[in-house]
Amino acid sequence: MGLPSADHVTDGLVVTSDEMGCGTRGCWRALTVHPPEGTSPEQLIAAWDVEEGCAAQSWIDRRPVCTGYSVEGDAVIVSLEYERIPR
C-alpha cells in the first residue's frame, strides 16, 4: 500500500492521531498535529513550505500527492493523499 509519508510535517511535533486508508482513487493519511507551545495552528501552517493542492512527485512519478490543512481547536489536521491516476 503506497501511503504518503508523515515525516515531512511531523518533525518535532506531537501527533495525536494518524488515520490511513485506501480507496479506488488512491491512498490517504490524515494526521492530527499539535504545534509547539506558544505557536498557534495558523502559525504552524504558515511555517510549512507546502501549499495546499495537488502536484506530481517528480517527472518520473506522475502520481499526484494532494495536501490540505484544517484547524480544529488547537490542532492542525493535515491530509495527504496519493492518487493512482495522474490528473
N, C-alpha and C. Protein backbone atom coordinates (compact mmCIF):
# COMPACT_ATOMS: atom_id res chain seq x y z
N MET A 1 0.86 -1.17 0.00
CA MET A 1 0.00 0.00 0.00
C MET A 1 0.89 1.22 0.00
N GLY A 2 0.75 2.12 -0.95
CA GLY A 2 1.55 3.32 -1.02
C GLY A 2 0.87 4.45 -0.29
N LEU A 3 1.42 4.83 0.86
CA LEU A 3 0.87 5.93 1.64
C LEU A 3 1.86 7.07 1.69
N PRO A 4 1.37 8.31 1.66
CA PRO A 4 2.26 9.44 1.82
C PRO A 4 2.95 9.39 3.19
N SER A 5 4.20 9.77 3.22
CA SER A 5 4.95 9.75 4.46
C SER A 5 4.55 10.92 5.35
N ALA A 6 4.50 10.67 6.65
CA ALA A 6 4.19 11.72 7.61
C ALA A 6 5.44 12.50 8.00
N ASP A 7 6.62 12.03 7.59
CA ASP A 7 7.88 12.64 8.01
C ASP A 7 7.99 14.11 7.63
N HIS A 8 7.38 14.52 6.53
CA HIS A 8 7.51 15.90 6.06
C HIS A 8 6.97 16.91 7.06
N VAL A 9 5.93 16.55 7.77
CA VAL A 9 5.23 17.53 8.60
C VAL A 9 5.32 17.27 10.09
N THR A 10 5.86 16.17 10.51
CA THR A 10 5.78 15.83 11.93
C THR A 10 7.07 15.99 12.70
N ASP A 11 8.14 16.43 12.09
CA ASP A 11 9.42 16.56 12.76
C ASP A 11 9.31 17.48 13.97
N GLY A 12 9.43 16.91 15.17
CA GLY A 12 9.39 17.69 16.40
C GLY A 12 8.00 18.06 16.88
N LEU A 13 6.96 17.55 16.25
CA LEU A 13 5.60 17.88 16.63
C LEU A 13 4.92 16.68 17.27
N VAL A 14 3.89 16.95 18.05
CA VAL A 14 3.13 15.89 18.69
C VAL A 14 1.98 15.48 17.77
N VAL A 15 1.97 14.22 17.35
CA VAL A 15 0.89 13.68 16.53
C VAL A 15 -0.03 12.89 17.45
N THR A 16 -1.30 13.29 17.52
CA THR A 16 -2.23 12.60 18.41
C THR A 16 -3.14 11.63 17.66
N SER A 17 -3.14 11.71 16.33
CA SER A 17 -3.94 10.78 15.55
C SER A 17 -3.30 10.62 14.18
N ASP A 18 -3.27 9.38 13.69
CA ASP A 18 -2.72 9.08 12.37
C ASP A 18 -3.64 8.05 11.73
N GLU A 19 -4.56 8.53 10.90
CA GLU A 19 -5.52 7.66 10.24
C GLU A 19 -5.09 7.41 8.80
N MET A 20 -5.25 6.18 8.33
CA MET A 20 -4.84 5.81 6.98
C MET A 20 -5.92 4.97 6.31
N GLY A 21 -5.95 5.01 5.00
CA GLY A 21 -6.89 4.18 4.27
C GLY A 21 -6.63 4.25 2.78
N CYS A 22 -7.31 3.40 2.05
CA CYS A 22 -7.20 3.38 0.59
C CYS A 22 -8.59 3.18 -0.01
N GLY A 23 -8.76 3.73 -1.19
CA GLY A 23 -10.00 3.58 -1.93
C GLY A 23 -9.68 3.38 -3.40
N THR A 24 -10.67 3.55 -4.23
CA THR A 24 -10.47 3.31 -5.65
C THR A 24 -9.56 4.33 -6.32
N ARG A 25 -9.51 5.55 -5.82
CA ARG A 25 -8.67 6.59 -6.43
C ARG A 25 -7.26 6.63 -5.87
N GLY A 26 -7.04 6.06 -4.68
CA GLY A 26 -5.70 6.10 -4.10
C GLY A 26 -5.75 5.94 -2.60
N CYS A 27 -4.61 6.24 -1.95
CA CYS A 27 -4.49 6.09 -0.51
C CYS A 27 -4.35 7.45 0.16
N TRP A 28 -4.81 7.55 1.40
CA TRP A 28 -4.77 8.81 2.12
C TRP A 28 -4.28 8.61 3.54
N ARG A 29 -3.86 9.71 4.13
CA ARG A 29 -3.42 9.73 5.52
C ARG A 29 -3.89 11.06 6.10
N ALA A 30 -4.48 11.03 7.29
CA ALA A 30 -4.90 12.24 7.99
C ALA A 30 -4.21 12.27 9.35
N LEU A 31 -3.44 13.31 9.58
CA LEU A 31 -2.68 13.45 10.83
C LEU A 31 -3.25 14.61 11.64
N THR A 32 -3.42 14.39 12.93
CA THR A 32 -3.76 15.48 13.84
C THR A 32 -2.47 15.86 14.54
N VAL A 33 -2.04 17.11 14.33
CA VAL A 33 -0.74 17.58 14.80
C VAL A 33 -0.95 18.78 15.73
N HIS A 34 -0.22 18.79 16.84
CA HIS A 34 -0.27 19.92 17.77
C HIS A 34 1.02 20.71 17.68
N PRO A 35 0.92 22.03 17.50
CA PRO A 35 2.11 22.86 17.38
C PRO A 35 2.84 22.99 18.73
N PRO A 36 4.10 23.41 18.68
CA PRO A 36 4.84 23.64 19.92
C PRO A 36 4.16 24.72 20.77
N GLU A 37 4.39 24.68 22.06
CA GLU A 37 3.81 25.68 22.96
C GLU A 37 4.20 27.08 22.51
N GLY A 38 3.23 27.98 22.54
CA GLY A 38 3.46 29.35 22.13
C GLY A 38 3.27 29.59 20.63
N THR A 39 2.93 28.53 19.88
CA THR A 39 2.71 28.64 18.44
C THR A 39 1.26 28.28 18.15
N SER A 40 0.60 29.12 17.38
CA SER A 40 -0.79 28.84 17.03
C SER A 40 -0.83 27.86 15.85
N PRO A 41 -1.96 27.19 15.67
CA PRO A 41 -2.08 26.32 14.50
C PRO A 41 -1.86 27.07 13.19
N GLU A 42 -2.34 28.30 13.11
CA GLU A 42 -2.17 29.09 11.90
C GLU A 42 -0.69 29.41 11.65
N GLN A 43 0.05 29.70 12.72
CA GLN A 43 1.50 29.95 12.58
C GLN A 43 2.22 28.70 12.11
N LEU A 44 1.80 27.54 12.62
CA LEU A 44 2.41 26.28 12.21
C LEU A 44 2.20 26.04 10.72
N ILE A 45 0.98 26.23 10.25
CA ILE A 45 0.68 26.04 8.83
C ILE A 45 1.52 27.00 7.98
N ALA A 46 1.62 28.25 8.42
CA ALA A 46 2.40 29.25 7.66
C ALA A 46 3.88 28.88 7.61
N ALA A 47 4.39 28.21 8.65
CA ALA A 47 5.81 27.84 8.70
C ALA A 47 6.14 26.69 7.76
N TRP A 48 5.15 25.84 7.43
CA TRP A 48 5.40 24.75 6.49
C TRP A 48 5.54 25.34 5.10
N ASP A 49 6.45 24.85 4.34
CA ASP A 49 6.68 25.36 3.00
C ASP A 49 5.99 24.46 1.98
N VAL A 50 4.73 24.09 2.27
CA VAL A 50 3.96 23.23 1.38
C VAL A 50 2.58 23.86 1.20
N GLU A 51 2.24 24.18 -0.03
CA GLU A 51 0.94 24.77 -0.31
C GLU A 51 -0.12 23.68 -0.43
N GLU A 52 -1.36 24.07 -0.13
CA GLU A 52 -2.47 23.14 -0.35
C GLU A 52 -2.66 22.94 -1.84
N GLY A 53 -3.01 21.74 -2.22
CA GLY A 53 -3.26 21.42 -3.62
C GLY A 53 -2.62 20.10 -3.99
N CYS A 54 -2.58 19.84 -5.28
CA CYS A 54 -2.05 18.57 -5.79
C CYS A 54 -0.90 18.84 -6.75
N ALA A 55 0.11 18.00 -6.68
CA ALA A 55 1.26 18.11 -7.58
C ALA A 55 1.89 16.74 -7.76
N ALA A 56 2.44 16.52 -8.95
CA ALA A 56 3.17 15.28 -9.21
C ALA A 56 4.44 15.27 -8.37
N GLN A 57 4.87 14.09 -7.96
CA GLN A 57 6.06 13.97 -7.12
C GLN A 57 7.35 14.28 -7.87
N SER A 58 7.41 13.89 -9.12
CA SER A 58 8.61 14.13 -9.92
C SER A 58 8.24 13.94 -11.38
N TRP A 59 9.18 14.15 -12.25
CA TRP A 59 8.90 13.95 -13.68
C TRP A 59 8.81 12.47 -14.02
N ILE A 60 9.31 11.61 -13.12
CA ILE A 60 9.20 10.16 -13.32
C ILE A 60 7.91 9.63 -12.71
N ASP A 61 7.63 10.00 -11.47
CA ASP A 61 6.43 9.55 -10.77
C ASP A 61 5.37 10.63 -10.90
N ARG A 62 4.44 10.42 -11.82
CA ARG A 62 3.43 11.44 -12.12
C ARG A 62 2.21 11.38 -11.21
N ARG A 63 2.18 10.42 -10.26
CA ARG A 63 1.03 10.36 -9.35
C ARG A 63 0.98 11.64 -8.52
N PRO A 64 -0.17 12.29 -8.51
CA PRO A 64 -0.28 13.49 -7.69
C PRO A 64 -0.33 13.14 -6.19
N VAL A 65 0.28 13.99 -5.40
CA VAL A 65 0.09 13.96 -3.95
C VAL A 65 -0.65 15.24 -3.61
N CYS A 66 -1.80 15.09 -2.99
CA CYS A 66 -2.62 16.23 -2.61
C CYS A 66 -2.43 16.50 -1.12
N THR A 67 -2.26 17.77 -0.78
CA THR A 67 -2.04 18.19 0.59
C THR A 67 -3.10 19.20 0.98
N GLY A 68 -3.64 19.05 2.18
CA GLY A 68 -4.62 20.01 2.69
C GLY A 68 -4.48 20.17 4.18
N TYR A 69 -4.93 21.32 4.69
CA TYR A 69 -4.85 21.62 6.12
C TYR A 69 -6.19 22.14 6.60
N SER A 70 -6.51 21.85 7.86
CA SER A 70 -7.64 22.49 8.52
C SER A 70 -7.29 22.62 10.00
N VAL A 71 -7.90 23.59 10.65
CA VAL A 71 -7.65 23.84 12.07
C VAL A 71 -8.86 23.39 12.86
N GLU A 72 -8.61 22.58 13.88
CA GLU A 72 -9.66 22.15 14.81
C GLU A 72 -9.17 22.42 16.22
N GLY A 73 -9.69 23.47 16.83
CA GLY A 73 -9.23 23.84 18.18
C GLY A 73 -7.78 24.26 18.15
N ASP A 74 -6.95 23.59 18.96
CA ASP A 74 -5.52 23.92 19.00
C ASP A 74 -4.69 22.97 18.15
N ALA A 75 -5.34 22.23 17.26
CA ALA A 75 -4.64 21.24 16.43
C ALA A 75 -4.80 21.56 14.95
N VAL A 76 -3.88 21.01 14.17
CA VAL A 76 -3.94 21.10 12.71
C VAL A 76 -4.20 19.70 12.17
N ILE A 77 -5.19 19.57 11.30
CA ILE A 77 -5.43 18.31 10.62
C ILE A 77 -4.75 18.42 9.26
N VAL A 78 -3.80 17.54 9.02
CA VAL A 78 -3.05 17.52 7.76
C VAL A 78 -3.55 16.32 6.98
N SER A 79 -4.02 16.58 5.75
CA SER A 79 -4.45 15.46 4.91
C SER A 79 -3.48 15.33 3.74
N LEU A 80 -3.04 14.11 3.52
CA LEU A 80 -2.12 13.77 2.44
C LEU A 80 -2.76 12.63 1.65
N GLU A 81 -2.76 12.74 0.34
CA GLU A 81 -3.40 11.70 -0.47
C GLU A 81 -2.58 11.43 -1.72
N TYR A 82 -2.30 10.16 -1.95
CA TYR A 82 -1.73 9.73 -3.24
C TYR A 82 -2.89 9.38 -4.14
N GLU A 83 -2.88 9.90 -5.33
CA GLU A 83 -3.88 9.49 -6.31
C GLU A 83 -3.23 8.52 -7.29
N ARG A 84 -3.91 7.45 -7.60
CA ARG A 84 -3.37 6.44 -8.52
C ARG A 84 -3.37 6.92 -9.96
N ILE A 85 -4.30 7.81 -10.27
CA ILE A 85 -4.48 8.24 -11.65
C ILE A 85 -3.97 9.67 -11.79
N PRO A 86 -2.95 9.91 -12.63
CA PRO A 86 -2.48 11.28 -12.83
C PRO A 86 -3.58 12.18 -13.39
N ARG A 87 -3.55 13.43 -12.99
CA ARG A 87 -4.56 14.41 -13.47
C ARG A 87 -4.20 14.90 -14.83
